[in-house]
C-alpha atoms as a PDB file:
ATOM      1  CA  MET A   1      32.201  45.863  36.578  1.00  0.00           C
ATOM      2  CA  ASN A   2      35.658  47.606  36.712  1.00  0.00           C
ATOM      3  CA  ARG A   3      37.275  49.735  34.067  1.00  0.00           C
ATOM      4  CA  ARG A   4      39.443  47.232  32.578  1.00  0.00           C
ATOM      5  CA  GLN A   5      36.131  44.604  31.662  1.00  0.00           C
ATOM      6  CA  PHE A   6      34.608  47.969  30.315  1.00  0.00           C
ATOM      7  CA  VAL A   7      37.202  48.739  27.708  1.00  0.00           C
ATOM      8  CA  SER A   8      37.200  45.108  26.973  1.00  0.00           C
ATOM      9  CA  GLN A   9      33.661  45.213  26.183  1.00  0.00           C
ATOM     10  CA  THR A  10      33.656  48.390  23.934  1.00  0.00           C
ATOM     11  CA  LEU A  11      36.453  47.093  22.555  1.00  0.00           C
ATOM     12  CA  ALA A  12      34.620  43.243  22.085  1.00  0.00           C
ATOM     13  CA  SER A  13      34.525  43.780  17.797  1.00  0.00           C
ATOM     14  CA  GLY A  14      38.070  45.536  18.096  1.00  0.00           C
ATOM     15  CA  LEU A  15      40.984  45.413  15.901  1.00  0.00           C
ATOM     16  CA  VAL A  16      41.022  41.706  14.988  1.00  0.00           C
ATOM     17  CA  LEU A  17      39.745  41.921  11.093  1.00  0.00           C
ATOM     18  CA  PRO A  18      41.169  43.254   8.207  1.00  0.00           C
ATOM     19  CA  LEU A  19      40.810  47.106   7.401  1.00  0.00           C
ATOM     20  CA  VAL A  20      39.314  48.117   4.591  1.00  0.00           C
ATOM     21  CA  ALA A  21      41.742  51.380   3.086  1.00  0.00           C
ATOM     22  CA  SER A  22      40.010  54.301   1.401  1.00  0.00           C
ATOM     23  CA  ASN A  23      40.981  56.079  -1.405  1.00  0.00           C
ATOM     24  CA  ALA A  24      43.725  58.156  -2.037  1.00  0.00           C
ATOM     25  CA  LEU A  25      43.299  61.756  -2.688  1.00  0.00           C
ATOM     26  CA  ALA A  26      45.425  63.717  -5.657  1.00  0.00           C
ATOM     27  CA  ASN A  27      47.759  66.491  -4.752  1.00  0.00           C
ATOM     28  CA  GLU A  28      46.914  70.245  -4.192  1.00  0.00           C
ATOM     29  CA  SER A  29      49.124  72.923  -3.360  1.00  0.00           C
ATOM     30  CA  PRO A  30      49.330  75.287  -1.903  1.00  0.00           C
ATOM     31  CA  PRO A  31      47.396  73.020   0.528  1.00  0.00           C
ATOM     32  CA  THR A  32      44.543  74.945   3.034  1.00  0.00           C
ATOM     33  CA  PRO A  33      42.524  73.235   5.702  1.00  0.00           C
ATOM     34  CA  LYS A  34      39.374  71.799   4.124  1.00  0.00           C
ATOM     35  CA  SER A  35      35.806  70.509   4.968  1.00  0.00           C
ATOM     36  CA  SER A  36      34.316  68.566   2.327  1.00  0.00           C
ATOM     37  CA  CYS A  37      32.783  64.856   1.679  1.00  0.00           C
ATOM     38  CA  VAL A  38      36.478  63.980   0.243  1.00  0.00           C
ATOM     39  CA  LEU A  39      37.296  60.709   1.869  1.00  0.00           C
ATOM     40  CA  ILE A  40      40.684  61.278   4.333  1.00  0.00           C
ATOM     41  CA  PRO A  41      43.561  59.735   2.628  1.00  0.00           C
ATOM     42  CA  THR A  42      45.063  56.369   4.279  1.00  0.00           C
ATOM     43  CA  GLU A  43      47.816  56.348   5.943  1.00  0.00           C
ATOM     44  CA  THR A  44      50.125  53.748   7.469  1.00  0.00           C
ATOM     45  CA  ALA A  45      49.480  53.647  11.172  1.00  0.00           C
ATOM     46  CA  GLY A  46      53.485  53.446  11.385  1.00  0.00           C
ATOM     47  CA  PRO A  47      55.417  51.699  13.417  1.00  0.00           C
ATOM     48  CA  PHE A  48      54.117  52.824  16.453  1.00  0.00           C
ATOM     49  CA  PRO A  49      50.461  52.110  16.595  1.00  0.00           C
ATOM     50  CA  LEU A  50      50.256  49.808  19.581  1.00  0.00           C
ATOM     51  CA  ASP A  51      47.032  47.940  20.133  1.00  0.00           C
ATOM     52  CA  LEU A  52      44.584  50.572  21.869  1.00  0.00           C
ATOM     53  CA  SER A  53      42.965  47.649  23.306  1.00  0.00           C
ATOM     54  CA  GLU A  54      45.678  46.059  24.949  1.00  0.00           C
ATOM     55  CA  ASN A  55      45.366  48.713  27.789  1.00  0.00           C
ATOM     56  CA  PRO A  56      42.151  49.981  29.585  1.00  0.00           C
ATOM     57  CA  THR A  57      43.483  53.282  30.353  1.00  0.00           C
ATOM     58  CA  PHE A  58      43.361  54.452  26.757  1.00  0.00           C
ATOM     59  CA  PHE A  59      39.819  55.051  27.022  1.00  0.00           C
ATOM     60  CA  ARG A  60      39.901  58.759  28.201  1.00  0.00           C
ATOM     61  CA  SER A  61      40.089  62.419  26.593  1.00  0.00           C
ATOM     62  CA  ASP A  62      42.920  63.805  28.154  1.00  0.00           C
ATOM     63  CA  VAL A  63      46.371  61.868  26.958  1.00  0.00           C
ATOM     64  CA  ARG A  64      48.756  63.912  28.387  1.00  0.00           C
ATOM     65  CA  GLU A  65      49.632  61.941  31.446  1.00  0.00           C
ATOM     66  CA  ASP A  66      53.280  63.704  32.721  1.00  0.00           C
ATOM     67  CA  GLN A  67      54.282  64.714  29.205  1.00  0.00           C
ATOM     68  CA  GLN A  68      55.360  68.343  29.537  1.00  0.00           C
ATOM     69  CA  GLY A  69      54.506  70.457  26.081  1.00  0.00           C
ATOM     70  CA  VAL A  70      52.323  73.256  24.774  1.00  0.00           C
ATOM     71  CA  ARG A  71      48.616  72.080  25.749  1.00  0.00           C
ATOM     72  CA  LEU A  72      47.114  70.959  22.298  1.00  0.00           C
ATOM     73  CA  ASP A  73      42.691  71.052  22.274  1.00  0.00           C
ATOM     74  CA  LEU A  74      41.899  68.570  19.516  1.00  0.00           C
ATOM     75  CA  ARG A  75      38.941  68.335  17.923  1.00  0.00           C
ATOM     76  CA  LEU A  76      38.069  65.844  15.176  1.00  0.00           C
ATOM     77  CA  ARG A  77      34.545  65.839  13.230  1.00  0.00           C
ATOM     78  CA  ILE A  78      33.636  62.425  11.390  1.00  0.00           C
ATOM     79  CA  ILE A  79      31.701  62.626   8.557  1.00  0.00           C
ATOM     80  CA  GLY A  80      30.024  60.133   6.259  1.00  0.00           C
ATOM     81  CA  ALA A  81      31.389  61.064   2.472  1.00  0.00           C
ATOM     82  CA  ALA A  82      28.302  60.005   0.845  1.00  0.00           C
ATOM     83  CA  ASN A  83      26.314  62.540   2.203  1.00  0.00           C
ATOM     84  CA  CYS A  84      28.002  64.640   4.488  1.00  0.00           C
ATOM     85  CA  ALA A  85      26.380  63.758   7.538  1.00  0.00           C
ATOM     86  CA  PRO A  86      27.747  63.166  10.741  1.00  0.00           C
ATOM     87  CA  MET A  87      29.110  59.691  12.284  1.00  0.00           C
ATOM     88  CA  PRO A  88      27.608  59.334  16.118  1.00  0.00           C
ATOM     89  CA  ASN A  89      29.261  56.584  18.174  1.00  0.00           C
ATOM     90  CA  VAL A  90      32.239  56.003  16.357  1.00  0.00           C
ATOM     91  CA  ARG A  91      35.246  55.028  18.238  1.00  0.00           C
ATOM     92  CA  VAL A  92      37.802  57.508  17.310  1.00  0.00           C
ATOM     93  CA  ASN A  93      41.512  56.500  18.124  1.00  0.00           C
ATOM     94  CA  ILE A  94      44.880  58.903  18.121  1.00  0.00           C
ATOM     95  CA  TRP A  95      48.513  58.720  19.093  1.00  0.00           C
ATOM     96  CA  HIS A  96      51.147  60.771  18.793  1.00  0.00           C
ATOM     97  CA  CYS A  97      55.023  61.621  19.955  1.00  0.00           C
ATOM     98  CA  ASN A  98      56.193  63.505  22.814  1.00  0.00           C
ATOM     99  CA  ALA A  99      57.835  66.965  22.512  1.00  0.00           C
ATOM    100  CA  ASN A 100      61.254  65.285  21.650  1.00  0.00           C
ATOM    101  CA  GLY A 101      59.791  62.624  18.680  1.00  0.00           C
ATOM    102  CA  GLU A 102      59.277  59.258  21.729  1.00  0.00           C
ATOM    103  CA  TYR A 103      56.123  57.283  21.569  1.00  0.00           C
ATOM    104  CA  SER A 104      55.020  55.732  24.276  1.00  0.00           C
ATOM    105  CA  GLY A 105      55.392  51.866  24.346  1.00  0.00           C
ATOM    106  CA  TYR A 106      58.710  51.944  22.333  1.00  0.00           C
ATOM    107  CA  ASN A 107      62.773  51.795  22.919  1.00  0.00           C
ATOM    108  CA  THR A 108      63.008  53.539  26.305  1.00  0.00           C
ATOM    109  CA  ALA A 109      59.489  54.001  26.861  1.00  0.00           C
ATOM    110  CA  VAL A 110      58.346  50.167  27.104  1.00  0.00           C
ATOM    111  CA  GLY A 111      55.322  50.032  29.742  1.00  0.00           C
ATOM    112  CA  LYS A 112      54.323  53.785  28.934  1.00  0.00           C
ATOM    113  CA  THR A 113      51.059  54.612  27.689  1.00  0.00           C
ATOM    114  CA  TYR A 114      50.754  58.534  27.140  1.00  0.00           C
ATOM    115  CA  LEU A 115      49.496  60.376  24.193  1.00  0.00           C
ATOM    116  CA  ARG A 116      47.573  57.633  23.413  1.00  0.00           C
ATOM    117  CA  GLY A 117      43.661  57.587  23.930  1.00  0.00           C
ATOM    118  CA  TYR A 118      40.442  56.787  22.537  1.00  0.00           C
ATOM    119  CA  GLN A 119      36.500  58.415  22.421  1.00  0.00           C
ATOM    120  CA  PHE A 120      33.708  57.871  20.764  1.00  0.00           C
ATOM    121  CA  THR A 121      31.790  60.766  18.393  1.00  0.00           C
ATOM    122  CA  ASP A 122      28.622  62.861  19.940  1.00  0.00           C
ATOM    123  CA  ALA A 123      25.736  63.018  18.029  1.00  0.00           C
ATOM    124  CA  ASN A 124      27.807  66.061  15.666  1.00  0.00           C
ATOM    125  CA  GLY A 125      30.079  63.405  15.065  1.00  0.00           C
ATOM    126  CA  GLU A 126      32.717  64.884  16.990  1.00  0.00           C
ATOM    127  CA  VAL A 127      35.452  63.643  19.745  1.00  0.00           C
ATOM    128  CA  ALA A 128      37.773  66.023  21.867  1.00  0.00           C
ATOM    129  CA  PHE A 129      41.374  65.118  23.498  1.00  0.00           C
ATOM    130  CA  THR A 130      43.405  67.409  25.493  1.00  0.00           C
ATOM    131  CA  THR A 131      46.903  66.567  24.685  1.00  0.00           C
ATOM    132  CA  ILE A 132      50.324  68.217  23.829  1.00  0.00           C
ATOM    133  CA  PHE A 133      51.594  69.504  20.455  1.00  0.00           C
ATOM    134  CA  PRO A 134      53.790  67.019  19.239  1.00  0.00           C
ATOM    135  CA  GLY A 135      57.450  67.395  18.354  1.00  0.00           C
ATOM    136  CA  TRP A 136      59.161  65.520  15.731  1.00  0.00           C
ATOM    137  CA  TYR A 137      61.769  63.074  14.264  1.00  0.00           C
ATOM    138  CA  ASP A 138      64.217  62.560  11.832  1.00  0.00           C
ATOM    139  CA  GLY A 139      63.164  61.473   8.646  1.00  0.00           C
ATOM    140  CA  ARG A 140      59.426  62.711   9.759  1.00  0.00           C
ATOM    141  CA  THR A 141      57.130  65.994   9.941  1.00  0.00           C
ATOM    142  CA  CYS A 142      55.297  66.539  12.768  1.00  0.00           C
ATOM    143  CA  HIS A 143      52.387  64.862  12.690  1.00  0.00           C
ATOM    144  CA  ILE A 144      49.736  62.970  14.671  1.00  0.00           C
ATOM    145  CA  HIS A 145      47.925  59.490  13.830  1.00  0.00           C
ATOM    146  CA  PHE A 146      44.664  58.441  14.317  1.00  0.00           C
ATOM    147  CA  GLN A 147      42.137  55.904  13.225  1.00  0.00           C
ATOM    148  CA  VAL A 148      38.240  55.609  12.779  1.00  0.00           C
ATOM    149  CA  TYR A 149      36.852  52.521  13.659  1.00  0.00           C
ATOM    150  CA  VAL A 150      33.565  52.494  12.017  1.00  0.00           C
ATOM    151  CA  SER A 151      32.670  48.697  12.573  1.00  0.00           C
ATOM    152  CA  SER A 152      34.753  45.106  12.649  1.00  0.00           C
ATOM    153  CA  MET A 153      34.456  45.693   8.880  1.00  0.00           C
ATOM    154  CA  TYR A 154      35.966  48.803   8.269  1.00  0.00           C
ATOM    155  CA  ALA A 155      37.971  51.349  10.134  1.00  0.00           C
ATOM    156  CA  ALA A 156      40.178  54.204   8.198  1.00  0.00           C
ATOM    157  CA  ILE A 157      43.808  54.764   9.335  1.00  0.00           C
ATOM    158  CA  SER A 158      45.412  57.910   8.660  1.00  0.00           C
ATOM    159  CA  GLN A 159      47.609  61.334  10.033  1.00  0.00           C
ATOM    160  CA  LEU A 160      47.320  64.756  10.163  1.00  0.00           C
ATOM    161  CA  THR A 161      49.530  67.496  10.378  1.00  0.00           C
ATOM    162  CA  PHE A 162      50.030  71.245  10.457  1.00  0.00           C
ATOM    163  CA  ASP A 163      51.272  74.698   8.716  1.00  0.00           C
ATOM    164  CA  HIS A 164      54.779  74.631   8.715  1.00  0.00           C
ATOM    165  CA  ASP A 165      55.585  78.042   9.223  1.00  0.00           C
ATOM    166  CA  ALA A 166      53.001  78.105  12.232  1.00  0.00           C
ATOM    167  CA  LYS A 167      54.267  75.188  13.757  1.00  0.00           C
ATOM    168  CA  ASN A 168      57.367  76.205  13.598  1.00  0.00           C
ATOM    169  CA  ALA A 169      56.326  79.664  15.281  1.00  0.00           C
ATOM    170  CA  LEU A 170      54.845  77.213  17.926  1.00  0.00           C
ATOM    171  CA  TYR A 171      58.179  75.600  18.560  1.00  0.00           C
ATOM    172  CA  ALA A 172      60.155  79.264  18.778  1.00  0.00           C
ATOM    173  CA  ALA A 173      58.226  80.374  21.104  1.00  0.00           C
ATOM    174  CA  HIS A 174      58.328  77.642  23.805  1.00  0.00           C
ATOM    175  CA  ALA A 175      61.870  76.585  22.667  1.00  0.00           C
ATOM    176  CA  ASP A 176      62.239  75.314  26.579  1.00  0.00           C
ATOM    177  CA  LEU A 177      59.666  72.533  25.485  1.00  0.00           C
ATOM    178  CA  TYR A 178      60.716  71.836  22.298  1.00  0.00           C
ATOM    179  CA  PRO A 179      64.664  71.291  22.800  1.00  0.00           C
ATOM    180  CA  LYS A 180      65.053  69.728  18.961  1.00  0.00           C
ATOM    181  CA  GLY A 181      63.833  73.126  17.966  1.00  0.00           C
ATOM    182  CA  PRO A 182      62.300  73.796  14.799  1.00  0.00           C
ATOM    183  CA  ASP A 183      60.873  71.308  12.495  1.00  0.00           C
ATOM    184  CA  PRO A 184      62.805  71.431   9.383  1.00  0.00           C
ATOM    185  CA  LEU A 185      60.856  68.890   6.951  1.00  0.00           C
ATOM    186  CA  THR A 186      58.003  70.298   4.894  1.00  0.00           C
ATOM    187  CA  PRO A 187      55.006  68.374   4.797  1.00  0.00           C
ATOM    188  CA  SER A 188      55.421  68.300   0.952  1.00  0.00           C
ATOM    189  CA  ARG A 189      58.766  66.812   1.336  1.00  0.00           C
ATOM    190  CA  ASP A 190      57.753  64.025   3.861  1.00  0.00           C
ATOM    191  CA  ASN A 191      57.400  60.568   2.520  1.00  0.00           C
ATOM    192  CA  ILE A 192      53.604  60.026   3.940  1.00  0.00           C
ATOM    193  CA  PHE A 193      52.186  63.941   3.123  1.00  0.00           C
ATOM    194  CA  SER A 194      54.088  64.527  -0.740  1.00  0.00           C
ATOM    195  CA  ASP A 195      51.270  62.961  -2.604  1.00  0.00           C
ATOM    196  CA  GLY A 196      48.966  65.393  -1.202  1.00  0.00           C
ATOM    197  CA  TYR A 197      47.698  66.400   2.130  1.00  0.00           C
ATOM    198  CA  SER A 198      45.450  69.660   2.188  1.00  0.00           C
ATOM    199  CA  TYR A 199      42.300  67.323   3.622  1.00  0.00           C
ATOM    200  CA  GLN A 200      44.767  65.952   6.318  1.00  0.00           C
ATOM    201  CA  LEU A 201      46.088  69.932   7.419  1.00  0.00           C
ATOM    202  CA  ALA A 202      44.938  70.830  10.762  1.00  0.00           C
ATOM    203  CA  THR A 203      43.846  74.313  11.695  1.00  0.00           C
ATOM    204  CA  LEU A 204      46.096  75.913  14.292  1.00  0.00           C
ATOM    205  CA  GLU A 205      45.432  78.954  16.747  1.00  0.00           C
ATOM    206  CA  ALA A 206      46.575  80.208  20.118  1.00  0.00           C
ATOM    207  CA  ASP A 207      43.817  79.724  22.844  1.00  0.00           C
ATOM    208  CA  PRO A 208      43.640  82.775  25.288  1.00  0.00           C
ATOM    209  CA  GLU A 209      41.493  80.489  27.923  1.00  0.00           C
ATOM    210  CA  THR A 210      44.352  77.856  27.980  1.00  0.00           C
ATOM    211  CA  GLY A 211      46.875  79.521  27.247  1.00  0.00           C
ATOM    212  CA  GLY A 212      47.907  76.569  24.694  1.00  0.00           C
ATOM    213  CA  TYR A 213      46.408  75.865  21.479  1.00  0.00           C
ATOM    214  CA  ARG A 214      43.498  74.722  19.610  1.00  0.00           C
ATOM    215  CA  SER A 215      43.033  72.659  16.609  1.00  0.00           C
ATOM    216  CA  PHE A 216      40.256  70.879  14.157  1.00  0.00           C
ATOM    217  CA  LEU A 217      40.131  68.751  11.552  1.00  0.00           C
ATOM    218  CA  GLU A 218      36.947  67.063   9.673  1.00  0.00           C
ATOM    219  CA  VAL A 219      37.399  63.649   8.328  1.00  0.00           C
ATOM    220  CA  ALA A 220      35.324  62.226   5.678  1.00  0.00           C
ATOM    221  CA  VAL A 221      35.248  58.276   5.994  1.00  0.00           C
ATOM    222  CA  GLN A 222      33.223  55.588   4.192  1.00  0.00           C
ATOM    223  CA  GLY A 223      29.363  55.638   5.188  1.00  0.00           C
ATOM    224  CA  GLU A 224      26.142  57.902   5.203  1.00  0.00           C
ATOM    225  CA  GLY A 225      26.328  59.340   8.769  1.00  0.00           C
ATOM    226  CA  THR A 226      25.565  55.859  10.216  1.00  0.00           C
ATOM    227  CA  LEU A 227      27.519  53.207  11.829  1.00  0.00           C
ATOM    228  CA  GLY A 228      28.764  50.824   9.295  1.00  0.00           C
ATOM    229  CA  ILE A 229      28.124  47.096   9.945  1.00  0.00           C
ATOM    230  CA  GLY A 230      30.062  44.311  10.308  1.00  0.00           C
ATOM    231  CA  TYR A 231      29.773  40.356  11.314  1.00  0.00           C
ATOM    232  CA  LEU A 232      30.329  40.881  15.056  1.00  0.00           C
ATOM    233  CA  GLU A 233      28.063  43.399  14.844  1.00  0.00           C
ATOM    234  CA  GLN A 234      25.572  41.370  12.911  1.00  0.00           C
ATOM    235  CA  ARG A 235      25.974  38.656  15.540  1.00  0.00           C
ATOM    236  CA  ALA A 236      24.795  41.242  17.813  1.00  0.00           C
ATOM    237  CA  ALA A 237      21.462  42.347  16.290  1.00  0.00           C
ATOM    238  CA  GLU A 238      20.386  38.621  16.654  1.00  0.00           C
ATOM    239  CA  TYR A 239      19.885  39.376  20.375  1.00  0.00           C
ATOM    240  CA  PHE A 240      19.440  43.068  20.743  1.00  0.00           C
ATOM    241  CA  ALA A 241      18.941  46.373  19.540  1.00  0.00           C
ATOM    242  CA  LEU A 242      20.408  49.882  21.503  1.00  0.00           C
ATOM    243  CA  GLY A 243      18.505  52.815  20.488  1.00  0.00           C
ATOM    244  CA  GLN A 244      19.840  56.876  20.493  1.00  0.00           C
ATOM    245  CA  ASN A 245      18.564  58.277  23.553  1.00  0.00           C
ATOM    246  CA  THR A 246      15.801  60.865  23.478  1.00  0.00           C
ATOM    247  CA  PRO A 247      15.991  63.422  24.160  1.00  0.00           C
ATOM    248  CA  ASN A 248      19.794  63.966  23.011  1.00  0.00           C
ATOM    249  CA  PRO A 249      20.915  66.392  23.918  1.00  0.00           C
ATOM    250  CA  ALA A 250      19.335  66.429  27.298  1.00  0.00           C
ATOM    251  CA  THR A 251      18.732  68.809  30.108  1.00  0.00           C
ATOM    252  CA  GLY A 252      17.674  66.552  32.894  1.00  0.00           C
ATOM    253  CA  ARG A 253      15.873  63.351  32.094  1.00  0.00           C
ATOM    254  CA  THR A 254      16.756  61.228  29.133  1.00  0.00           C
ATOM    255  CA  THR A 255      14.882  57.880  27.463  1.00  0.00           C
ATOM    256  CA  ILE A 256      17.787  54.834  26.092  1.00  0.00           C
ATOM    257  CA  PRO A 257      15.370  52.490  24.269  1.00  0.00           C
ATOM    258  CA  LEU A 258      16.444  48.957  24.543  1.00  0.00           C
ATOM    259  CA  GLU A 259      14.790  45.767  22.194  1.00  0.00           C
ATOM    260  CA  MET A 260      15.764  42.675  23.394  1.00  0.00           C
ATOM    261  CA  ARG A 261      15.335  40.256  20.254  1.00  0.00           C
ATOM    262  CA  THR A 262      15.636  37.193  22.872  1.00  0.00           C
ATOM    263  CA  ALA A 263      15.799  36.766  27.020  1.00  0.00           C
ATOM    264  CA  ALA A 264      19.369  37.295  28.149  1.00  0.00           C
ATOM    265  CA  ALA A 265      21.201  38.973  31.246  1.00  0.00           C
ATOM    266  CA  VAL A 266      21.651  42.506  30.538  1.00  0.00           C
ATOM    267  CA  ARG A 267      23.542  45.583  32.249  1.00  0.00           C
ATOM    268  CA  LEU A 268      23.329  49.054  31.396  1.00  0.00           C
ATOM    269  CA  GLU A 269      26.128  51.193  32.788  1.00  0.00           C
ATOM    270  CA  VAL A 270      26.839  54.980  32.196  1.00  0.00           C
ATOM    271  CA  TRP A 271      30.522  56.164  32.026  1.00  0.00           C
ATOM    272  CA  ASP A 272      31.658  59.687  31.390  1.00  0.00           C
ATOM    273  CA  ILE A 273      34.772  60.234  29.060  1.00  0.00           C
ATOM    274  CA  GLY A 274      37.488  60.136  31.548  1.00  0.00           C
ATOM    275  CA  GLY A 275      36.858  56.043  31.445  1.00  0.00           C
ATOM    276  CA  VAL A 276      35.314  56.086  35.524  1.00  0.00           C
ATOM    277  CA  LYS A 277      31.968  54.353  35.340  1.00  0.00           C
ATOM    278  CA  ARG A 278      28.939  56.702  37.080  1.00  0.00           C
ATOM    279  CA  ALA A 279      25.981  54.603  37.277  1.00  0.00           C
ATOM    280  CA  THR A 280      24.207  51.226  36.310  1.00  0.00           C
ATOM    281  CA  LEU A 281      20.828  51.651  35.014  1.00  0.00           C
ATOM    282  CA  LEU A 282      20.027  48.036  34.818  1.00  0.00           C
ATOM    283  CA  ASP A 283      21.504  45.025  36.093  1.00  0.00           C
ATOM    284  CA  GLU A 284      19.175  42.053  35.195  1.00  0.00           C
ATOM    285  CA  PHE A 285      17.589  39.469  33.056  1.00  0.00           C
ATOM    286  CA  LEU A 286      15.020  40.461  30.514  1.00  0.00           C
ATOM    287  CA  SER A 287      12.696  38.940  28.460  1.00  0.00           C
ATOM    288  CA  GLU A 288      12.092  39.493  24.798  1.00  0.00           C
ATOM    289  CA  GLY A 289      10.327  42.626  24.111  1.00  0.00           C
ATOM    290  CA  THR A 290      10.850  46.367  24.070  1.00  0.00           C
ATOM    291  CA  TYR A 291      12.083  48.437  27.195  1.00  0.00           C
ATOM    292  CA  ALA A 292      12.609  51.930  27.995  1.00  0.00           C
ATOM    293  CA  VAL A 293      15.029  52.908  30.240  1.00  0.00           C
ATOM    294  CA  GLU A 294      15.402  56.054  32.411  1.00  0.00           C
ATOM    295  CA  LEU A 295      18.552  57.917  32.951  1.00  0.00           C
ATOM    296  CA  ASP A 296      17.935  61.140  35.595  1.00  0.00           C
ATOM    297  CA  ALA A 297      20.893  63.403  35.098  1.00  0.00           C
ATOM    298  CA  ASP A 298      20.347  65.289  38.114  1.00  0.00           C
ATOM    299  CA  GLY A 299      19.946  62.314  40.238  1.00  0.00           C
ATOM    300  CA  LEU A 300      23.033  60.806  39.700  1.00  0.00           C
ATOM    301  CA  GLY A 301      24.749  64.184  39.801  1.00  0.00           C
ATOM    302  CA  LEU A 302      25.711  64.254  36.120  1.00  0.00           C
ATOM    303  CA  ALA A 303      27.111  67.764  35.053  1.00  0.00           C
ATOM    304  CA  ALA A 304      27.086  68.980  31.591  1.00  0.00           C
ATOM    305  CA  GLY A 305      29.270  66.932  28.663  1.00  0.00           C
ATOM    306  CA  ASN A 306      29.261  64.053  27.087  1.00  0.00           C
ATOM    307  CA  TYR A 307      28.581  60.353  28.659  1.00  0.00           C
ATOM    308  CA  VAL A 308      29.134  56.882  26.721  1.00  0.00           C
ATOM    309  CA  TYR A 309      25.918  54.204  27.680  1.00  0.00           C
ATOM    310  CA  GLN A 310      27.244  50.552  27.351  1.00  0.00           C
ATOM    311  CA  LEU A 311      24.975  47.349  27.119  1.00  0.00           C
ATOM    312  CA  ILE A 312      25.917  44.258  27.471  1.00  0.00           C
ATOM    313  CA  VAL A 313      24.303  41.066  26.758  1.00  0.00           C
ATOM    314  CA  GLU A 314      25.362  37.596  28.254  1.00  0.00           C
ATOM    315  CA  THR A 315      23.513  35.144  25.952  1.00  0.00           C
ATOM    316  CA  PRO A 316      24.517  31.161  25.577  1.00  0.00           C
ATOM    317  CA  HIS A 317      26.530  31.841  22.742  1.00  0.00           C
ATOM    318  CA  GLY A 318      28.327  34.607  24.055  1.00  0.00           C
ATOM    319  CA  ARG A 319      29.005  38.178  25.392  1.00  0.00           C
ATOM    320  CA  TYR A 320      28.004  41.133  23.203  1.00  0.00           C
ATOM    321  CA  ALA A 321      27.904  44.916  24.131  1.00  0.00           C
ATOM    322  CA  ASP A 322      27.292  48.046  22.117  1.00  0.00           C
ATOM    323  CA  CYS A 323      27.853  51.910  23.468  1.00  0.00           C
ATOM    324  CA  LYS A 324      26.189  55.018  22.467  1.00  0.00           C
ATOM    325  CA  VAL A 325      27.012  58.446  23.960  1.00  0.00           C
ATOM    326  CA  LEU A 326      24.606  61.040  25.096  1.00  0.00           C
ATOM    327  CA  THR A 327      25.006  64.849  25.570  1.00  0.00           C
ATOM    328  CA  LEU A 328      23.783  66.956  28.952  1.00  0.00           C
ATOM    329  CA  VAL A 329      23.489  70.387  28.825  1.00  0.00           C
ATOM    330  CA  ARG A 330      22.409  72.937  31.433  1.00  0.00           C
END
């Protein structure tokens, strides 16, 4: 299986069903970054969502490509609003404009793919992206779009922004990279954020290790710290159940549990977060029953970090897939 086929499988239950909107929040002034179990406000995907299932290059953690700008390491933590527990194995998409306020895929950037990508949350409900600090364009304050795809029946779409003074200080300090200068629009005057943005205000601080900046936002979505179940997930559950590896995190060896509820051809692969396949653990026909598949990180030469393991099951009624994230520590 190549990289395109992997992404096609991971998005098999993708953006094809109506998305359920979460509730809006009340205003809070002055806004400050918060960590809570309050649902993230739902916002429009904007005129530039560009369905990420259309191009396999979007499964990646570094979305910069050739774009110039101050490095930004963005970390999002996804939790279930019902109990504040982390949401593992959830797909998170991000997209934003470049330093000049332009999006890839539109106008003069048709065919471009920069500053777009998706990842899967780890056991702590976190994803991390390396990008550049976005610029701004007329009518909108600086922002980053994101979507938390919980299941084929529910996805939360929202946007995040930054403290106005901190953002403009960054622009001023790097005027050579941001030719449009300071952002004239405060979040409170922006049509998207004017109804309140305290739960969408990400942190922003200098990162001496990279010479850039780092940012964090905790996002609460509908659920209780477990994946939501939609129609496609229910159909897949008729044929198999892919479990979370144990131990997780793992230091060397870890076991992936698998239950086959009907006999079928299966393939179990391991991918790194940059979208490169690192191993095929299974590629055979399995009978109904339970299995324990061992992953030897040392034998595979896997470094510390997060990896995605994907199960593909071929049945007479269709092809189904499931993905989970495992963490290796050294």
